[in-house]
Amino acid sequence: MSHAASYAPRSLEGRVVLVVDATTGIGRIVTIRLCAAGARVAVVGTAHRGRGDDAATNAAFLCKELAEIGMSALPYRADIERADTFRTLPGQIAADLGPVAVCVVVIPAEPGAEEITAAFRSMSEVIGAALPPGARLIEIDMADCAGGHEEAAHGLVDQLLHRRPHTC
């Protein structure tokens, strides 16, 4: 059994979850856990200044890895400096996977990157306004996650599985 498949029971079967900044750290862990729980995940690699890799390629590779073990995820790319890419994203995902039920936005907290953190907060507002009625928007603010990535990721998915509010 794969490491990812051992995470959780499949109780989010068929629900569409959008994960923004899904390709590294806590976003990657959340994505894998959601897929293991049966969710259909829209994996968004988020491009921004200062990022030293290709977010779209990372999203594609993660989705390929998940597909190889029977999980459902599709890659998407959005540019943090172009709000229009986030405004249209929920509609694009609905056309591909179905309506978004939950959107998870990972807000980075890197020292000296206050501009990027502020851009992620603004983007979260934009995407929240574009979600379908009844969809949940959950922000994971890395500045508030003192317990570490793994613990915060497991806590978030456990809360979704049990319908409890998220606290980091």
N, C-alpha and C. Protein backbone atom coordinates (compact mmCIF):
# COMPACT_ATOMS: atom_id res chain seq x y z
N MET A 1 0.85 -1.18 0.00
CA MET A 1 0.00 0.00 0.00
C MET A 1 0.89 1.24 0.00
N SER A 2 0.52 2.22 -0.80
CA SER A 2 1.31 3.44 -0.87
C SER A 2 1.15 4.26 0.41
N HIS A 3 2.12 5.11 0.64
CA HIS A 3 2.08 6.00 1.81
C HIS A 3 0.82 6.89 1.76
N ALA A 4 0.54 7.46 0.58
CA ALA A 4 -0.61 8.35 0.44
C ALA A 4 -1.93 7.62 0.66
N ALA A 5 -2.04 6.38 0.18
CA ALA A 5 -3.29 5.64 0.29
C ALA A 5 -3.59 5.23 1.72
N SER A 6 -2.60 5.27 2.59
CA SER A 6 -2.81 4.83 3.96
C SER A 6 -3.29 5.94 4.89
N TYR A 7 -3.45 7.17 4.38
CA TYR A 7 -3.77 8.30 5.23
C TYR A 7 -5.16 8.30 5.84
N ALA A 8 -6.20 8.02 5.08
CA ALA A 8 -7.54 8.28 5.59
C ALA A 8 -8.58 7.40 4.92
N PRO A 9 -9.70 7.22 5.59
CA PRO A 9 -10.81 6.51 4.94
C PRO A 9 -11.35 7.37 3.80
N ARG A 10 -12.01 6.75 2.85
CA ARG A 10 -12.49 7.46 1.66
C ARG A 10 -13.87 8.05 1.92
N SER A 11 -13.97 9.04 2.80
CA SER A 11 -15.27 9.60 3.14
C SER A 11 -15.53 10.96 2.49
N LEU A 12 -14.63 11.44 1.66
CA LEU A 12 -14.87 12.67 0.90
C LEU A 12 -15.13 12.31 -0.56
N GLU A 13 -15.53 11.07 -0.78
CA GLU A 13 -15.73 10.51 -2.12
C GLU A 13 -16.49 11.47 -3.04
N GLY A 14 -15.84 11.85 -4.13
CA GLY A 14 -16.48 12.65 -5.16
C GLY A 14 -16.54 14.14 -4.92
N ARG A 15 -16.27 14.61 -3.71
CA ARG A 15 -16.32 16.06 -3.45
C ARG A 15 -15.12 16.72 -4.13
N VAL A 16 -15.36 17.89 -4.69
CA VAL A 16 -14.30 18.61 -5.38
C VAL A 16 -13.69 19.62 -4.41
N VAL A 17 -12.37 19.52 -4.26
CA VAL A 17 -11.64 20.41 -3.37
C VAL A 17 -10.54 21.10 -4.17
N LEU A 18 -10.48 22.39 -4.05
CA LEU A 18 -9.47 23.23 -4.69
C LEU A 18 -8.41 23.54 -3.65
N VAL A 19 -7.15 23.21 -3.94
CA VAL A 19 -6.06 23.51 -3.01
C VAL A 19 -5.10 24.47 -3.71
N VAL A 20 -4.98 25.67 -3.16
CA VAL A 20 -4.12 26.71 -3.72
C VAL A 20 -2.77 26.66 -3.01
N ASP A 21 -1.72 26.63 -3.80
CA ASP A 21 -0.34 26.44 -3.36
C ASP A 21 -0.18 25.01 -2.87
N ALA A 22 -0.59 24.10 -3.74
CA ALA A 22 -0.73 22.69 -3.40
C ALA A 22 0.50 21.83 -3.67
N THR A 23 1.56 22.41 -4.17
CA THR A 23 2.64 21.56 -4.66
C THR A 23 3.82 21.37 -3.71
N THR A 24 3.87 22.12 -2.63
CA THR A 24 4.98 21.98 -1.68
C THR A 24 4.46 22.05 -0.25
N GLY A 25 5.24 21.57 0.66
CA GLY A 25 4.95 21.70 2.09
C GLY A 25 3.56 21.23 2.48
N ILE A 26 2.90 22.06 3.27
CA ILE A 26 1.59 21.71 3.81
C ILE A 26 0.54 21.52 2.70
N GLY A 27 0.63 22.31 1.63
CA GLY A 27 -0.32 22.16 0.53
C GLY A 27 -0.23 20.78 -0.11
N ARG A 28 0.97 20.28 -0.27
CA ARG A 28 1.18 18.94 -0.85
C ARG A 28 0.61 17.86 0.08
N ILE A 29 0.87 17.99 1.37
CA ILE A 29 0.37 17.01 2.33
C ILE A 29 -1.16 17.01 2.34
N VAL A 30 -1.76 18.20 2.36
CA VAL A 30 -3.22 18.31 2.34
C VAL A 30 -3.77 17.67 1.07
N THR A 31 -3.15 17.96 -0.06
CA THR A 31 -3.60 17.41 -1.35
C THR A 31 -3.59 15.88 -1.32
N ILE A 32 -2.52 15.30 -0.87
CA ILE A 32 -2.41 13.84 -0.82
C ILE A 32 -3.45 13.25 0.11
N ARG A 33 -3.63 13.85 1.27
CA ARG A 33 -4.63 13.34 2.22
C ARG A 33 -6.04 13.46 1.68
N LEU A 34 -6.36 14.57 1.03
CA LEU A 34 -7.69 14.74 0.46
C LEU A 34 -7.95 13.70 -0.62
N CYS A 35 -6.97 13.47 -1.48
CA CYS A 35 -7.11 12.45 -2.52
C CYS A 35 -7.30 11.06 -1.90
N ALA A 36 -6.54 10.78 -0.86
CA ALA A 36 -6.67 9.48 -0.18
C ALA A 36 -8.04 9.30 0.44
N ALA A 37 -8.68 10.41 0.80
CA ALA A 37 -10.02 10.36 1.39
C ALA A 37 -11.11 10.35 0.32
N GLY A 38 -10.72 10.32 -0.96
CA GLY A 38 -11.69 10.20 -2.04
C GLY A 38 -12.08 11.48 -2.73
N ALA A 39 -11.53 12.61 -2.31
CA ALA A 39 -11.87 13.89 -2.95
C ALA A 39 -11.26 13.96 -4.34
N ARG A 40 -11.90 14.71 -5.19
CA ARG A 40 -11.36 15.04 -6.51
C ARG A 40 -10.70 16.40 -6.33
N VAL A 41 -9.38 16.45 -6.44
CA VAL A 41 -8.64 17.65 -6.04
C VAL A 41 -8.12 18.43 -7.24
N ALA A 42 -8.38 19.72 -7.22
CA ALA A 42 -7.80 20.65 -8.18
C ALA A 42 -6.51 21.16 -7.54
N VAL A 43 -5.39 20.76 -8.10
CA VAL A 43 -4.07 21.07 -7.57
C VAL A 43 -3.56 22.34 -8.25
N VAL A 44 -3.49 23.42 -7.48
CA VAL A 44 -3.07 24.70 -8.05
C VAL A 44 -1.65 25.02 -7.64
N GLY A 45 -0.78 25.06 -8.65
CA GLY A 45 0.56 25.56 -8.44
C GLY A 45 0.49 27.07 -8.57
N THR A 46 0.97 27.78 -7.58
CA THR A 46 0.82 29.23 -7.54
C THR A 46 2.13 29.92 -7.91
N ALA A 47 2.12 30.61 -9.04
CA ALA A 47 3.31 31.35 -9.48
C ALA A 47 3.36 32.69 -8.77
N HIS A 48 4.55 33.08 -8.39
CA HIS A 48 4.76 34.41 -7.83
C HIS A 48 6.23 34.75 -7.89
N ARG A 49 6.51 36.06 -7.83
CA ARG A 49 7.91 36.49 -7.82
C ARG A 49 8.61 35.88 -6.63
N GLY A 50 9.82 35.46 -6.83
CA GLY A 50 10.59 34.88 -5.74
C GLY A 50 10.49 33.36 -5.69
N ARG A 51 9.54 32.80 -6.43
CA ARG A 51 9.44 31.34 -6.45
C ARG A 51 10.47 30.83 -7.44
N GLY A 52 11.32 29.93 -6.99
CA GLY A 52 12.43 29.47 -7.81
C GLY A 52 12.13 28.26 -8.66
N ASP A 53 10.87 27.85 -8.76
CA ASP A 53 10.55 26.69 -9.57
C ASP A 53 9.32 26.98 -10.44
N ASP A 54 8.93 26.01 -11.23
CA ASP A 54 7.78 26.17 -12.12
C ASP A 54 6.56 25.55 -11.47
N ALA A 55 5.67 26.39 -11.00
CA ALA A 55 4.48 25.93 -10.26
C ALA A 55 3.60 25.02 -11.10
N ALA A 56 3.44 25.33 -12.37
CA ALA A 56 2.58 24.51 -13.24
C ALA A 56 3.16 23.12 -13.44
N THR A 57 4.47 23.04 -13.63
CA THR A 57 5.12 21.74 -13.79
C THR A 57 5.00 20.93 -12.51
N ASN A 58 5.21 21.57 -11.38
CA ASN A 58 5.08 20.87 -10.09
C ASN A 58 3.67 20.32 -9.92
N ALA A 59 2.64 21.09 -10.28
CA ALA A 59 1.26 20.63 -10.17
C ALA A 59 1.03 19.42 -11.07
N ALA A 60 1.54 19.47 -12.28
CA ALA A 60 1.37 18.36 -13.23
C ALA A 60 2.06 17.09 -12.70
N PHE A 61 3.26 17.24 -12.19
CA PHE A 61 3.98 16.07 -11.66
C PHE A 61 3.27 15.46 -10.46
N LEU A 62 2.76 16.30 -9.56
CA LEU A 62 2.04 15.78 -8.39
C LEU A 62 0.79 15.03 -8.85
N CYS A 63 0.04 15.58 -9.79
CA CYS A 63 -1.17 14.90 -10.28
C CYS A 63 -0.84 13.58 -10.96
N LYS A 64 0.25 13.55 -11.71
CA LYS A 64 0.68 12.30 -12.35
C LYS A 64 1.01 11.25 -11.29
N GLU A 65 1.72 11.66 -10.28
CA GLU A 65 2.09 10.75 -9.18
C GLU A 65 0.83 10.20 -8.51
N LEU A 66 -0.15 11.05 -8.27
CA LEU A 66 -1.39 10.62 -7.62
C LEU A 66 -2.21 9.71 -8.53
N ALA A 67 -2.26 10.02 -9.82
CA ALA A 67 -3.00 9.19 -10.78
C ALA A 67 -2.41 7.78 -10.86
N GLU A 68 -1.10 7.68 -10.74
CA GLU A 68 -0.44 6.38 -10.81
C GLU A 68 -0.84 5.45 -9.68
N ILE A 69 -1.36 6.02 -8.59
CA ILE A 69 -1.82 5.17 -7.48
C ILE A 69 -3.34 5.23 -7.32
N GLY A 70 -4.01 5.66 -8.40
CA GLY A 70 -5.46 5.58 -8.46
C GLY A 70 -6.22 6.72 -7.83
N MET A 71 -5.58 7.86 -7.63
CA MET A 71 -6.25 9.00 -7.01
C MET A 71 -6.60 10.03 -8.08
N SER A 72 -7.59 10.87 -7.78
CA SER A 72 -8.11 11.82 -8.76
C SER A 72 -7.67 13.25 -8.44
N ALA A 73 -6.83 13.81 -9.31
CA ALA A 73 -6.38 15.19 -9.16
C ALA A 73 -6.03 15.74 -10.54
N LEU A 74 -6.35 17.01 -10.75
CA LEU A 74 -5.99 17.69 -12.00
C LEU A 74 -5.17 18.94 -11.67
N PRO A 75 -4.16 19.22 -12.51
CA PRO A 75 -3.30 20.38 -12.26
C PRO A 75 -3.86 21.67 -12.85
N TYR A 76 -3.63 22.75 -12.14
CA TYR A 76 -3.99 24.09 -12.60
C TYR A 76 -2.86 25.03 -12.20
N ARG A 77 -2.80 26.15 -12.90
CA ARG A 77 -1.79 27.16 -12.58
C ARG A 77 -2.50 28.49 -12.43
N ALA A 78 -2.07 29.25 -11.48
CA ALA A 78 -2.59 30.61 -11.30
C ALA A 78 -1.44 31.51 -10.88
N ASP A 79 -1.51 32.74 -11.28
CA ASP A 79 -0.46 33.71 -10.99
C ASP A 79 -0.96 34.66 -9.91
N ILE A 80 -0.28 34.68 -8.78
CA ILE A 80 -0.70 35.47 -7.63
C ILE A 80 -0.82 36.96 -7.98
N GLU A 81 -0.09 37.41 -8.99
CA GLU A 81 -0.12 38.81 -9.37
C GLU A 81 -1.20 39.13 -10.40
N ARG A 82 -1.97 38.12 -10.80
CA ARG A 82 -3.06 38.33 -11.77
C ARG A 82 -4.34 37.78 -11.18
N ALA A 83 -5.12 38.65 -10.54
CA ALA A 83 -6.36 38.23 -9.87
C ALA A 83 -7.33 37.54 -10.81
N ASP A 84 -7.32 37.90 -12.10
CA ASP A 84 -8.24 37.28 -13.05
C ASP A 84 -8.04 35.76 -13.14
N THR A 85 -6.82 35.29 -12.91
CA THR A 85 -6.58 33.84 -12.97
C THR A 85 -7.30 33.13 -11.83
N PHE A 86 -7.54 33.82 -10.73
CA PHE A 86 -8.25 33.22 -9.61
C PHE A 86 -9.75 33.42 -9.70
N ARG A 87 -10.18 34.51 -10.32
CA ARG A 87 -11.60 34.79 -10.50
C ARG A 87 -12.26 33.73 -11.37
N THR A 88 -11.56 33.26 -12.38
CA THR A 88 -12.11 32.29 -13.32
C THR A 88 -11.84 30.84 -12.94
N LEU A 89 -10.97 30.62 -11.99
CA LEU A 89 -10.56 29.26 -11.63
C LEU A 89 -11.70 28.36 -11.17
N PRO A 90 -12.58 28.79 -10.25
CA PRO A 90 -13.66 27.89 -9.83
C PRO A 90 -14.56 27.43 -10.98
N GLY A 91 -14.82 28.32 -11.94
CA GLY A 91 -15.63 27.94 -13.10
C GLY A 91 -14.92 26.93 -13.98
N GLN A 92 -13.63 27.11 -14.17
CA GLN A 92 -12.84 26.18 -14.96
C GLN A 92 -12.82 24.80 -14.28
N ILE A 93 -12.64 24.79 -12.97
CA ILE A 93 -12.61 23.53 -12.23
C ILE A 93 -13.98 22.86 -12.27
N ALA A 94 -15.06 23.64 -12.16
CA ALA A 94 -16.42 23.08 -12.23
C ALA A 94 -16.63 22.40 -13.58
N ALA A 95 -16.13 22.98 -14.65
CA ALA A 95 -16.27 22.37 -15.98
C ALA A 95 -15.49 21.07 -16.09
N ASP A 96 -14.36 20.99 -15.40
CA ASP A 96 -13.50 19.80 -15.48
C ASP A 96 -13.86 18.71 -14.47
N LEU A 97 -14.17 19.10 -13.24
CA LEU A 97 -14.34 18.13 -12.15
C LEU A 97 -15.72 18.17 -11.49
N GLY A 98 -16.40 19.31 -11.59
CA GLY A 98 -17.65 19.53 -10.87
C GLY A 98 -17.50 20.74 -9.99
N PRO A 99 -18.60 21.20 -9.37
CA PRO A 99 -18.53 22.40 -8.54
C PRO A 99 -17.63 22.21 -7.32
N VAL A 100 -16.88 23.25 -7.01
CA VAL A 100 -15.97 23.23 -5.87
C VAL A 100 -16.79 23.25 -4.58
N ALA A 101 -16.54 22.28 -3.70
CA ALA A 101 -17.21 22.22 -2.40
C ALA A 101 -16.39 22.91 -1.33
N VAL A 102 -15.06 22.79 -1.45
CA VAL A 102 -14.14 23.37 -0.46
C VAL A 102 -12.93 23.93 -1.20
N CYS A 103 -12.48 25.09 -0.76
CA CYS A 103 -11.24 25.67 -1.27
C CYS A 103 -10.29 25.88 -0.09
N VAL A 104 -9.10 25.32 -0.21
CA VAL A 104 -8.07 25.47 0.82
C VAL A 104 -6.98 26.36 0.23
N VAL A 105 -6.69 27.46 0.90
CA VAL A 105 -5.64 28.38 0.45
C VAL A 105 -4.54 28.37 1.50
N VAL A 106 -3.34 27.98 1.09
CA VAL A 106 -2.18 28.01 1.98
C VAL A 106 -1.52 29.38 1.84
N ILE A 107 -1.47 30.12 2.94
CA ILE A 107 -0.87 31.45 2.94
C ILE A 107 0.53 31.34 3.54
N PRO A 108 1.56 31.60 2.71
CA PRO A 108 2.93 31.44 3.20
C PRO A 108 3.29 32.48 4.25
N ALA A 109 4.26 32.12 5.05
CA ALA A 109 4.75 33.04 6.09
C ALA A 109 6.26 32.96 6.13
N GLU A 110 6.88 33.43 5.08
CA GLU A 110 8.33 33.42 5.01
C GLU A 110 8.86 34.76 5.48
N PRO A 111 9.90 34.77 6.29
CA PRO A 111 10.46 36.04 6.75
C PRO A 111 10.87 36.92 5.56
N GLY A 112 10.46 38.18 5.61
CA GLY A 112 10.79 39.11 4.55
C GLY A 112 9.89 39.03 3.33
N ALA A 113 8.87 38.18 3.38
CA ALA A 113 7.98 38.00 2.22
C ALA A 113 6.58 38.54 2.50
N GLU A 114 6.52 39.65 3.21
CA GLU A 114 5.23 40.22 3.58
C GLU A 114 4.38 40.57 2.36
N GLU A 115 5.04 40.99 1.27
CA GLU A 115 4.32 41.35 0.04
C GLU A 115 3.63 40.12 -0.56
N ILE A 116 4.30 39.00 -0.56
CA ILE A 116 3.70 37.76 -1.09
C ILE A 116 2.56 37.31 -0.19
N THR A 117 2.76 37.39 1.13
CA THR A 117 1.71 37.01 2.07
C THR A 117 0.47 37.87 1.85
N ALA A 118 0.66 39.17 1.69
CA ALA A 118 -0.47 40.08 1.44
C ALA A 118 -1.15 39.74 0.12
N ALA A 119 -0.38 39.39 -0.90
CA ALA A 119 -0.95 39.02 -2.20
C ALA A 119 -1.79 37.74 -2.07
N PHE A 120 -1.33 36.78 -1.28
CA PHE A 120 -2.09 35.55 -1.06
C PHE A 120 -3.40 35.86 -0.34
N ARG A 121 -3.36 36.75 0.63
CA ARG A 121 -4.60 37.13 1.35
C ARG A 121 -5.60 37.79 0.39
N SER A 122 -5.12 38.69 -0.46
CA SER A 122 -5.99 39.34 -1.44
C SER A 122 -6.55 38.31 -2.42
N MET A 123 -5.71 37.40 -2.89
CA MET A 123 -6.14 36.37 -3.81
C MET A 123 -7.19 35.48 -3.16
N SER A 124 -7.03 35.19 -1.88
CA SER A 124 -8.00 34.36 -1.17
C SER A 124 -9.38 35.02 -1.17
N GLU A 125 -9.41 36.33 -1.00
CA GLU A 125 -10.69 37.06 -1.05
C GLU A 125 -11.32 36.97 -2.45
N VAL A 126 -10.49 37.10 -3.47
CA VAL A 126 -10.98 37.04 -4.85
C VAL A 126 -11.57 35.66 -5.14
N ILE A 127 -10.84 34.64 -4.80
CA ILE A 127 -11.31 33.29 -5.09
C ILE A 127 -12.52 32.93 -4.24
N GLY A 128 -12.54 33.41 -2.99
CA GLY A 128 -13.70 33.18 -2.13
C GLY A 128 -14.97 33.75 -2.71
N ALA A 129 -14.87 34.93 -3.31
CA ALA A 129 -16.03 35.57 -3.93
C ALA A 129 -16.49 34.83 -5.19
N ALA A 130 -15.59 34.07 -5.82
CA ALA A 130 -15.92 33.36 -7.05
C ALA A 130 -16.41 31.93 -6.81
N LEU A 131 -16.35 31.46 -5.56
CA LEU A 131 -16.79 30.09 -5.26
C LEU A 131 -18.31 29.99 -5.37
N PRO A 132 -18.81 28.80 -5.67
CA PRO A 132 -20.27 28.63 -5.74
C PRO A 132 -20.90 28.77 -4.36
N PRO A 133 -22.19 29.12 -4.30
CA PRO A 133 -22.86 29.24 -3.01
C PRO A 133 -22.73 27.94 -2.20
N GLY A 134 -22.45 28.09 -0.92
CA GLY A 134 -22.32 26.93 -0.03
C GLY A 134 -20.93 26.34 0.05
N ALA A 135 -20.03 26.75 -0.83
CA ALA A 135 -18.66 26.23 -0.78
C ALA A 135 -17.92 26.86 0.39
N ARG A 136 -17.03 26.08 1.01
CA ARG A 136 -16.24 26.56 2.14
C ARG A 136 -14.89 27.07 1.66
N LEU A 137 -14.46 28.19 2.22
CA LEU A 137 -13.11 28.71 1.99
C LEU A 137 -12.35 28.57 3.30
N ILE A 138 -11.23 27.85 3.24
CA ILE A 138 -10.40 27.64 4.42
C ILE A 138 -9.00 28.16 4.13
N GLU A 139 -8.52 29.05 4.97
CA GLU A 139 -7.16 29.55 4.84
C GLU A 139 -6.28 28.86 5.88
N ILE A 140 -5.13 28.42 5.42
CA ILE A 140 -4.11 27.90 6.33
C ILE A 140 -3.01 28.95 6.35
N ASP A 141 -2.98 29.72 7.41
CA ASP A 141 -1.97 30.76 7.55
C ASP A 141 -0.76 30.14 8.24
N MET A 142 0.31 30.00 7.48
CA MET A 142 1.49 29.32 8.01
C MET A 142 2.08 30.05 9.22
N ALA A 143 1.80 31.32 9.39
CA ALA A 143 2.28 32.05 10.56
C ALA A 143 1.61 31.53 11.83
N ASP A 144 0.43 30.94 11.70
CA ASP A 144 -0.31 30.42 12.86
C ASP A 144 -0.09 28.93 13.11
N CYS A 145 0.69 28.28 12.26
CA CYS A 145 0.86 26.82 12.34
C CYS A 145 2.17 26.47 13.01
N ALA A 146 2.21 26.66 14.31
CA ALA A 146 3.44 26.41 15.06
C ALA A 146 3.74 24.92 15.21
N GLY A 147 2.73 24.06 15.09
CA GLY A 147 2.90 22.62 15.30
C GLY A 147 3.56 21.89 14.15
N GLY A 148 3.82 22.56 13.04
CA GLY A 148 4.47 21.94 11.90
C GLY A 148 3.50 21.61 10.79
N HIS A 149 4.05 21.42 9.60
CA HIS A 149 3.25 21.16 8.40
C HIS A 149 2.42 19.89 8.50
N GLU A 150 3.05 18.82 8.88
CA GLU A 150 2.36 17.53 8.92
C GLU A 150 1.17 17.57 9.87
N GLU A 151 1.38 18.09 11.05
CA GLU A 151 0.30 18.17 12.05
C GLU A 151 -0.84 19.06 11.57
N ALA A 152 -0.52 20.22 10.99
CA ALA A 152 -1.55 21.13 10.50
C ALA A 152 -2.33 20.51 9.35
N ALA A 153 -1.64 19.83 8.44
CA ALA A 153 -2.30 19.19 7.30
C ALA A 153 -3.25 18.09 7.76
N HIS A 154 -2.79 17.25 8.65
CA HIS A 154 -3.64 16.18 9.17
C HIS A 154 -4.84 16.76 9.90
N GLY A 155 -4.63 17.80 10.68
CA GLY A 155 -5.73 18.43 11.41
C GLY A 155 -6.78 19.00 10.48
N LEU A 156 -6.35 19.66 9.41
CA LEU A 156 -7.30 20.23 8.47
C LEU A 156 -8.15 19.15 7.81
N VAL A 157 -7.51 18.12 7.30
CA VAL A 157 -8.26 17.07 6.61
C VAL A 157 -9.15 16.32 7.60
N ASP A 158 -8.67 16.07 8.80
CA ASP A 158 -9.51 15.43 9.81
C ASP A 158 -10.76 16.27 10.08
N GLN A 159 -10.59 17.58 10.13
CA GLN A 159 -11.74 18.45 10.37
C GLN A 159 -12.72 18.40 9.20
N LEU A 160 -12.22 18.32 7.97
CA LEU A 160 -13.11 18.19 6.82
C LEU A 160 -13.84 16.84 6.85
N LEU A 161 -13.14 15.82 7.24
CA LEU A 161 -13.74 14.49 7.32
C LEU A 161 -14.85 14.43 8.36
N HIS A 162 -14.68 15.20 9.43
CA HIS A 162 -15.63 15.19 10.54
C HIS A 162 -16.47 16.45 10.61
N ARG A 163 -16.33 17.32 9.58
CA ARG A 163 -17.15 18.54 9.45
C ARG A 163 -16.96 19.51 10.62
N ARG A 164 -15.76 19.57 11.16
CA ARG A 164 -15.48 20.54 12.23
C ARG A 164 -14.81 21.76 11.64
N PRO A 165 -14.91 22.91 12.28
CA PRO A 165 -14.21 24.10 11.76
C PRO A 165 -12.71 23.93 11.87
N HIS A 166 -11.98 24.53 10.94
CA HIS A 166 -10.52 24.44 10.93
C HIS A 166 -9.91 25.45 11.89
N THR A 167 -8.94 24.97 12.66
CA THR A 167 -8.10 25.86 13.47
C THR A 167 -6.68 25.38 13.32
N CYS A 168 -5.77 26.27 13.07
CA CYS A 168 -4.37 25.89 12.87
C CYS A 168 -3.60 26.23 14.12
